[in-house]
């Protein structure tokens, strides 16, 4: 009995294909690059509508963090968007609530006060720099009352006192200056540092008791001038 003919499979044991065999696999054609696929005679893509580009710019800005209307208007102006198209897009975003300066101001005040310990004066300056209307900013700042501001100032001082080094007089001035930079009024800053020093140690308490009214008044005047010039 004759033996079986060997199978010519297509797997790992496949026999070499013979010349002229139509069943032999053909080599794949190399994929053409992007540049080769482009028809040089094809018409150029039409320019994008200005309104579409303006909306894309705004959405990219808003994807990073919330923005005020003034901030978005500035971003559009830098990209050459006309005032007419900019106003049209921003008005629409106002209508649907994508832009809300009042909500932005409230969130900014809450976040920057709790996170950085900034007082109303510093917060007002930041909101003004971002184009928030003065009345809208005042309403948001009104939610931060004097008692809360004083408590935050005291907490900031107590935290710094844990690692403060030096004579009580030098520590006192550094801490008052720190609060002034965060926008606290001179009276609030000095009072917070004086009370925190008094509760820290006997030496610090003795120094705090020696701060007389005239010294406080002089320091308040100096800090007030410095904070106004910084703002």
Protein backbone atom coordinates (compact mmCIF):
# COMPACT_ATOMS: atom_id res chain seq x y z
CA UNK A 1 0.00 0.00 0.00
CA UNK A 2 1.41 3.30 -1.09
CA UNK A 3 2.17 5.82 1.56
CA UNK A 4 0.15 8.95 1.95
CA UNK A 5 1.31 12.08 0.21
CA UNK A 6 2.71 14.73 2.55
CA UNK A 7 0.27 17.53 3.37
CA UNK A 8 1.35 21.01 2.48
CA UNK A 9 -0.16 23.02 5.26
CA UNK A 10 -0.04 26.72 5.86
CA UNK A 11 1.22 26.57 9.39
CA UNK A 12 4.69 26.30 10.88
CA UNK A 13 5.33 23.09 8.90
CA UNK A 14 4.16 24.41 5.53
CA UNK A 15 6.21 23.42 2.50
CA UNK A 16 7.81 26.15 0.38
CA UNK A 17 5.47 27.39 -2.31
CA UNK A 18 6.36 26.50 -5.85
CA UNK A 19 6.86 29.05 -8.58
CA UNK A 20 3.65 29.87 -10.36
CA UNK A 21 1.50 28.60 -7.52
CA UNK A 22 -1.42 31.06 -7.23
CA UNK A 23 -2.13 29.86 -3.72
CA UNK A 24 1.16 31.24 -2.47
CA UNK A 25 0.75 34.19 -0.09
CA UNK A 26 1.58 37.51 -1.65
CA UNK A 27 3.68 40.09 0.20
CA UNK A 28 1.75 42.96 1.67
CA UNK A 29 2.15 46.39 0.19
CA UNK A 30 3.85 48.88 2.44
CA UNK A 31 1.46 51.38 4.01
CA UNK A 32 1.79 54.80 2.58
CA UNK A 33 2.68 57.67 4.89
CA UNK A 34 0.42 60.60 5.59
CA UNK A 35 2.37 62.84 3.24
CA UNK A 36 2.00 60.32 0.38
CA UNK A 37 -1.74 59.91 0.94
CA UNK A 38 -2.36 63.62 0.55
CA UNK A 39 -3.47 64.64 -2.88
CA UNK A 40 -1.36 67.65 -3.87
CA UNK A 41 -4.13 68.79 -6.22
CA UNK A 42 -6.84 68.61 -3.54
CA UNK A 43 -8.29 72.00 -2.51
CA UNK A 44 -7.15 73.33 0.90
CA UNK A 45 -9.40 72.80 3.89
CA UNK A 46 -11.79 75.70 4.43
CA UNK A 47 -10.81 78.09 7.25
CA UNK A 48 -12.49 77.45 10.57
CA UNK A 49 -15.31 79.75 11.57
CA UNK A 50 -14.24 82.41 14.06
CA UNK A 51 -17.07 81.55 16.42
CA UNK A 52 -16.06 77.89 16.47
CA UNK A 53 -12.47 78.82 17.24
CA UNK A 54 -13.60 81.19 20.00
CA UNK A 55 -15.68 78.48 21.67
CA UNK A 56 -12.77 76.05 21.52
CA UNK A 57 -10.44 78.59 23.14
CA UNK A 58 -12.92 79.21 25.95
CA UNK A 59 -13.50 75.52 26.63
CA UNK A 60 -9.77 74.87 26.81
CA UNK A 61 -9.38 77.71 29.30
CA UNK A 62 -12.28 76.44 31.40
CA UNK A 63 -10.89 72.90 31.41
CA UNK A 64 -7.93 74.14 33.47
CA UNK A 65 -9.96 76.04 36.09
CA UNK A 66 -13.06 78.25 36.30
CA UNK A 67 -12.57 81.62 34.63
CA UNK A 68 -14.22 85.02 34.85
CA UNK A 69 -15.73 86.64 31.80
CA UNK A 70 -12.89 89.17 31.74
CA UNK A 71 -10.27 86.40 31.77
CA UNK A 72 -11.92 84.63 28.83
CA UNK A 73 -12.29 87.88 26.93
CA UNK A 74 -8.58 88.52 27.39
CA UNK A 75 -7.70 85.02 26.13
CA UNK A 76 -9.86 85.54 23.03
CA UNK A 77 -8.33 88.93 22.31
CA UNK A 78 -4.82 87.44 22.46
CA UNK A 79 -5.83 84.91 19.79
CA UNK A 80 -7.15 87.65 17.52
CA UNK A 81 -10.88 87.00 18.00
CA UNK A 82 -12.92 90.07 17.14
CA UNK A 83 -14.80 91.92 19.86
CA UNK A 84 -18.12 91.17 18.16
CA UNK A 85 -17.62 87.41 18.05
CA UNK A 86 -16.10 87.40 21.55
CA UNK A 87 -19.15 89.20 23.00
CA UNK A 88 -21.52 86.85 21.19
CA UNK A 89 -19.83 83.70 22.51
CA UNK A 90 -19.42 85.03 26.05
CA UNK A 91 -23.02 86.27 26.19
CA UNK A 92 -24.18 82.80 25.27
CA UNK A 93 -21.98 81.25 27.96
CA UNK A 94 -23.46 83.70 30.45
CA UNK A 95 -26.98 82.62 29.49
CA UNK A 96 -26.34 78.91 29.98
CA UNK A 97 -24.32 79.39 33.19
CA UNK A 98 -20.93 78.32 31.89
CA UNK A 99 -19.66 81.73 32.99
CA UNK A 100 -20.80 82.94 36.43
CA UNK A 101 -18.64 85.65 37.99
CA UNK A 102 -20.66 85.67 41.22
CA UNK A 103 -20.16 81.94 41.75
CA UNK A 104 -16.52 82.29 40.78
CA UNK A 105 -16.00 85.05 43.37
CA UNK A 106 -17.66 83.08 46.17
CA UNK A 107 -15.62 79.98 45.42
CA UNK A 108 -12.41 82.01 45.12
CA UNK A 109 -12.94 83.71 48.49
CA UNK A 110 -13.73 80.44 50.27
CA UNK A 111 -10.82 78.56 48.71
CA UNK A 112 -8.14 81.23 49.12
CA UNK A 113 -9.15 82.08 52.68
CA UNK A 114 -9.21 78.49 53.90
CA UNK A 115 -6.21 77.35 51.85
CA UNK A 116 -3.89 80.37 52.04
CA UNK A 117 -5.37 82.28 54.96
CA UNK A 118 -5.84 85.43 52.87
CA UNK A 119 -7.86 88.28 54.36
CA UNK A 120 -10.55 90.33 52.63
CA UNK A 121 -8.17 93.07 51.48
CA UNK A 122 -5.89 90.62 49.65
CA UNK A 123 -8.87 88.70 48.26
CA UNK A 124 -10.44 91.89 46.94
CA UNK A 125 -7.21 92.70 45.13
CA UNK A 126 -7.08 89.23 43.54
CA UNK A 127 -10.70 89.43 42.37
CA UNK A 128 -10.09 92.87 40.89
CA UNK A 129 -7.08 91.52 38.97
CA UNK A 130 -9.34 88.83 37.47
CA UNK A 131 -11.88 91.36 36.30
CA UNK A 132 -14.64 90.66 38.81
CA UNK A 133 -17.04 93.58 39.16
CA UNK A 134 -16.60 95.53 42.41
CA UNK A 135 -20.20 94.97 43.53
CA UNK A 136 -19.99 91.24 42.81
CA UNK A 137 -16.69 91.03 44.68
CA UNK A 138 -18.08 92.93 47.69
CA UNK A 139 -21.00 90.54 47.93
CA UNK A 140 -18.68 87.53 47.93
CA UNK A 141 -16.33 89.12 50.47
CA UNK A 142 -19.29 89.90 52.71
CA UNK A 143 -19.57 86.18 53.45
CA UNK A 144 -16.21 86.41 55.24
CA UNK A 145 -17.03 88.18 58.50
CA UNK A 146 -14.63 89.92 60.89
CA UNK A 147 -14.83 87.16 63.50
CA UNK A 148 -13.82 84.47 61.01
CA UNK A 149 -11.02 86.66 59.73
CA UNK A 150 -9.67 87.21 63.27
CA UNK A 151 -9.83 83.48 64.03
CA UNK A 152 -7.89 82.67 60.87
CA UNK A 153 -5.25 85.27 61.71
CA UNK A 154 -4.80 83.76 65.16
CA UNK A 155 -4.53 80.24 63.71
CA UNK A 156 -1.87 81.38 61.25
CA UNK A 157 0.17 82.96 64.04
CA UNK A 158 -0.07 79.91 66.29
CA UNK A 159 1.11 77.67 63.46
CA UNK A 160 4.12 79.88 62.77
CA UNK A 161 4.98 80.16 66.45
CA UNK A 162 5.65 76.42 66.65
CA UNK A 163 8.84 76.86 64.64
CA UNK A 164 9.62 80.53 65.32
CA UNK A 165 13.07 81.32 66.69
CA UNK A 166 14.54 84.51 68.08
CA UNK A 167 13.75 87.20 70.62
CA UNK A 168 10.07 87.97 71.25
CA UNK A 169 10.44 91.42 69.68
CA UNK A 170 11.83 90.01 66.42
CA UNK A 171 9.23 87.22 66.33
CA UNK A 172 6.49 89.75 66.97
CA UNK A 173 7.51 91.90 64.00
CA UNK A 174 7.92 88.95 61.64
CA UNK A 175 4.50 87.59 62.45
CA UNK A 176 2.77 90.94 62.13
CA UNK A 177 4.47 91.47 58.77
CA UNK A 178 3.34 88.00 57.64
CA UNK A 179 -0.30 88.82 58.41
CA UNK A 180 0.00 92.22 56.73
CA UNK A 181 1.18 90.54 53.52
CA UNK A 182 -1.91 88.36 53.60
CA UNK A 183 -4.11 91.44 53.73
CA UNK A 184 -5.04 91.62 57.42
CA UNK A 185 -5.69 95.10 58.81
CA UNK A 186 -2.97 96.31 61.20
CA UNK A 187 -5.22 96.14 64.24
CA UNK A 188 -6.25 92.55 63.54
CA UNK A 189 -2.66 91.50 62.81
CA UNK A 190 -1.17 93.06 65.93
CA UNK A 191 -3.94 91.77 68.18
CA UNK A 192 -3.60 88.22 66.87
CA UNK A 193 0.17 88.15 67.41
CA UNK A 194 -0.05 89.79 70.84
CA UNK A 195 -2.65 87.28 72.08
CA UNK A 196 -0.77 84.30 70.65
CA UNK A 197 2.50 85.41 72.26
CA UNK A 198 0.76 85.89 75.59
CA UNK A 199 -0.46 82.29 75.50
CA UNK A 200 2.85 80.80 74.40
CA UNK A 201 5.19 81.23 77.38
CA UNK A 202 5.85 83.35 80.44
CA UNK A 203 8.58 85.32 78.64
CA UNK A 204 6.39 85.95 75.61
CA UNK A 205 3.46 86.88 77.82
CA UNK A 206 5.60 89.40 79.67
CA UNK A 207 6.69 90.95 76.38
CA UNK A 208 3.09 91.11 75.14
CA UNK A 209 2.02 92.94 78.28
CA UNK A 210 4.74 95.54 77.71
CA UNK A 211 3.40 96.52 74.29
CA UNK A 212 1.75 99.80 75.15
CA UNK A 213 -0.99 101.63 73.27
CA UNK A 214 1.40 104.15 71.69
CA UNK A 215 3.58 101.38 70.25
CA UNK A 216 0.51 99.64 68.85
CA UNK A 217 -0.72 102.87 67.25
CA UNK A 218 2.66 103.52 65.63
CA UNK A 219 2.88 99.98 64.32
CA UNK A 220 -0.66 100.15 62.97
CA UNK A 221 0.12 103.32 61.06
CA UNK A 222 3.29 101.87 59.55
CA UNK A 223 1.66 98.60 58.55
CA UNK A 224 -1.34 100.38 57.10
CA UNK A 225 0.91 102.45 54.82
CA UNK A 226 2.85 99.36 53.75
CA UNK A 227 -0.27 97.31 52.98
CA UNK A 228 -1.85 100.15 50.99
CA UNK A 229 1.25 100.61 48.87
CA UNK A 230 1.48 96.85 48.27
CA UNK A 231 -2.16 96.69 47.24
